[in-house]
Amino acid sequence: MTASIRLPVSRRNFLKATAGLAAALAAYRASSAYAEEVTLNILNSNSVWAGALTDQVAKAYTAAKITGESNPYESHYEKMLIELSQGSETFDIIT
């Protein structure tokens, strides 16, 4: 015969404690996510309207740091194809 082992903690108390710990960790992770600085990376072609677009995005997202990379058309097109084909997350907005 096998003797059952009696644990000092009941299953109900164990589940309560683990649920509370999980909730506390989730709240901690959520609070640190709000404290992070938001950055929007824009890949632009080197055109007249690229600067205007970056300015409009900066006005719309005042809490974010806006970085824009302007390239001549040929290199911009190549870079855009590489970024999109690889599923890269380097740029948030590609024009």
C-alpha atoms as a PDB file:
ATOM      1  CA  MET A   1       0.000   0.000   0.000  1.00  0.00           C
ATOM      2  CA  THR A   2       1.043   3.517  -0.648  1.00  0.00           C
ATOM      3  CA  ALA A   3       0.636   6.080   2.042  1.00  0.00           C
ATOM      4  CA  SER A   4      -0.595   9.494   0.986  1.00  0.00           C
ATOM      5  CA  ILE A   5       1.628  12.403   1.786  1.00  0.00           C
ATOM      6  CA  ARG A   6      -0.041  15.233   3.624  1.00  0.00           C
ATOM      7  CA  LEU A   7       1.118  18.655   2.440  1.00  0.00           C
ATOM      8  CA  PRO A   8       1.081  21.610   4.838  1.00  0.00           C
ATOM      9  CA  VAL A   9      -0.771  23.727   2.234  1.00  0.00           C
ATOM     10  CA  SER A  10      -4.189  22.871   0.860  1.00  0.00           C
ATOM     11  CA  ARG A  11      -4.791  22.796  -2.875  1.00  0.00           C
ATOM     12  CA  ARG A  12      -7.231  25.704  -2.594  1.00  0.00           C
ATOM     13  CA  ASN A  13      -4.713  27.908  -0.749  1.00  0.00           C
ATOM     14  CA  PHE A  14      -2.013  26.969  -3.249  1.00  0.00           C
ATOM     15  CA  LEU A  15      -4.239  27.976  -6.184  1.00  0.00           C
ATOM     16  CA  LYS A  16      -5.153  31.256  -4.476  1.00  0.00           C
ATOM     17  CA  ALA A  17      -1.497  32.071  -3.891  1.00  0.00           C
ATOM     18  CA  THR A  18      -0.429  31.257  -7.459  1.00  0.00           C
ATOM     19  CA  ALA A  19      -3.332  33.256  -8.930  1.00  0.00           C
ATOM     20  CA  GLY A  20      -2.374  36.233  -6.767  1.00  0.00           C
ATOM     21  CA  LEU A  21       1.263  35.938  -7.797  1.00  0.00           C
ATOM     22  CA  ALA A  22       0.326  35.740 -11.485  1.00  0.00           C
ATOM     23  CA  ALA A  23      -1.861  38.848 -11.163  1.00  0.00           C
ATOM     24  CA  ALA A  24       0.918  40.747  -9.379  1.00  0.00           C
ATOM     25  CA  LEU A  25       3.461  39.839 -12.072  1.00  0.00           C
ATOM     26  CA  ALA A  26       1.064  40.836 -14.854  1.00  0.00           C
ATOM     27  CA  ALA A  27       0.445  44.204 -13.197  1.00  0.00           C
ATOM     28  CA  TYR A  28       4.187  44.770 -12.777  1.00  0.00           C
ATOM     29  CA  ARG A  29       4.903  44.010 -16.449  1.00  0.00           C
ATOM     30  CA  ALA A  30       2.060  46.268 -17.591  1.00  0.00           C
ATOM     31  CA  SER A  31       3.313  49.169 -15.470  1.00  0.00           C
ATOM     32  CA  SER A  32       6.842  48.915 -16.877  1.00  0.00           C
ATOM     33  CA  ALA A  33       5.471  48.853 -20.435  1.00  0.00           C
ATOM     34  CA  TYR A  34       3.769  52.206 -19.885  1.00  0.00           C
ATOM     35  CA  ALA A  35       7.011  53.729 -18.639  1.00  0.00           C
ATOM     36  CA  GLU A  36       8.931  52.903 -21.829  1.00  0.00           C
ATOM     37  CA  GLU A  37       9.595  55.625 -24.364  1.00  0.00           C
ATOM     38  CA  VAL A  38       7.748  55.113 -27.628  1.00  0.00           C
ATOM     39  CA  THR A  39       9.723  55.516 -30.843  1.00  0.00           C
ATOM     40  CA  LEU A  40       8.268  55.553 -34.361  1.00  0.00           C
ATOM     41  CA  ASN A  41      10.751  54.733 -37.119  1.00  0.00           C
ATOM     42  CA  ILE A  42       9.851  55.988 -40.594  1.00  0.00           C
ATOM     43  CA  LEU A  43      11.482  54.858 -43.845  1.00  0.00           C
ATOM     44  CA  ASN A  44      11.030  57.639 -46.426  1.00  0.00           C
ATOM     45  CA  SER A  45      12.160  58.162 -49.954  1.00  0.00           C
ATOM     46  CA  ASN A  46      14.264  61.258 -50.476  1.00  0.00           C
ATOM     47  CA  SER A  47      11.420  63.385 -51.829  1.00  0.00           C
ATOM     48  CA  VAL A  48       9.848  66.750 -51.116  1.00  0.00           C
ATOM     49  CA  TRP A  49       6.844  65.334 -49.285  1.00  0.00           C
ATOM     50  CA  ALA A  50       8.906  62.958 -47.068  1.00  0.00           C
ATOM     51  CA  GLY A  51       9.780  65.764 -44.655  1.00  0.00           C
ATOM     52  CA  ALA A  52       6.182  66.945 -44.577  1.00  0.00           C
ATOM     53  CA  LEU A  53       5.014  63.420 -43.753  1.00  0.00           C
ATOM     54  CA  THR A  54       7.506  63.105 -40.907  1.00  0.00           C
ATOM     55  CA  ASP A  55       6.377  66.489 -39.545  1.00  0.00           C
ATOM     56  CA  GLN A  56       2.698  65.473 -39.687  1.00  0.00           C
ATOM     57  CA  VAL A  57       3.416  62.201 -37.881  1.00  0.00           C
ATOM     58  CA  ALA A  58       5.359  64.114 -35.222  1.00  0.00           C
ATOM     59  CA  LYS A  59       2.380  66.454 -34.708  1.00  0.00           C
ATOM     60  CA  ALA A  60      -0.045  63.526 -34.438  1.00  0.00           C
ATOM     61  CA  TYR A  61       2.107  61.516 -32.010  1.00  0.00           C
ATOM     62  CA  THR A  62       3.480  64.110 -29.610  1.00  0.00           C
ATOM     63  CA  ALA A  63       4.380  61.541 -26.925  1.00  0.00           C
ATOM     64  CA  ALA A  64       6.563  59.529 -29.320  1.00  0.00           C
ATOM     65  CA  LYS A  65      10.108  60.089 -30.491  1.00  0.00           C
ATOM     66  CA  ILE A  66      10.040  60.220 -34.310  1.00  0.00           C
ATOM     67  CA  THR A  67      13.026  59.082 -36.361  1.00  0.00           C
ATOM     68  CA  GLY A  68      12.994  59.272 -40.136  1.00  0.00           C
ATOM     69  CA  GLU A  69      15.408  57.722 -42.595  1.00  0.00           C
ATOM     70  CA  SER A  70      15.391  59.289 -46.061  1.00  0.00           C
ATOM     71  CA  ASN A  71      17.068  57.492 -48.951  1.00  0.00           C
ATOM     72  CA  PRO A  72      17.347  58.136 -52.698  1.00  0.00           C
ATOM     73  CA  TYR A  73      14.595  56.355 -54.631  1.00  0.00           C
ATOM     74  CA  GLU A  74      16.630  53.354 -55.874  1.00  0.00           C
ATOM     75  CA  SER A  75      18.177  52.487 -52.507  1.00  0.00           C
ATOM     76  CA  HIS A  76      14.872  53.262 -50.768  1.00  0.00           C
ATOM     77  CA  TYR A  77      13.037  50.787 -52.991  1.00  0.00           C
ATOM     78  CA  GLU A  78      15.679  48.075 -52.383  1.00  0.00           C
ATOM     79  CA  LYS A  79      15.637  48.651 -48.630  1.00  0.00           C
ATOM     80  CA  MET A  80      11.836  48.626 -48.585  1.00  0.00           C
ATOM     81  CA  LEU A  81      11.750  45.283 -50.444  1.00  0.00           C
ATOM     82  CA  ILE A  82      14.259  43.745 -48.034  1.00  0.00           C
ATOM     83  CA  GLU A  83      12.437  45.026 -44.940  1.00  0.00           C
ATOM     84  CA  LEU A  84       9.029  43.836 -46.133  1.00  0.00           C
ATOM     85  CA  SER A  85      10.187  40.468 -47.495  1.00  0.00           C
ATOM     86  CA  GLN A  86      11.949  39.565 -44.237  1.00  0.00           C
ATOM     87  CA  GLY A  87       9.083  40.680 -42.023  1.00  0.00           C
ATOM     88  CA  SER A  88      11.427  43.072 -40.252  1.00  0.00           C
ATOM     89  CA  GLU A  89      10.136  45.263 -37.433  1.00  0.00           C
ATOM     90  CA  THR A  90      12.787  47.964 -37.872  1.00  0.00           C
ATOM     91  CA  PHE A  91      10.403  50.508 -39.376  1.00  0.00           C
ATOM     92  CA  ASP A  92       6.903  51.297 -38.167  1.00  0.00           C
ATOM     93  CA  ILE A  93       5.931  53.374 -41.221  1.00  0.00           C
ATOM     94  CA  ILE A  94       7.225  52.790 -44.747  1.00  0.00           C
ATOM     95  CA  THR A  95       6.340  55.232 -47.525  1.00  0.00           C
END
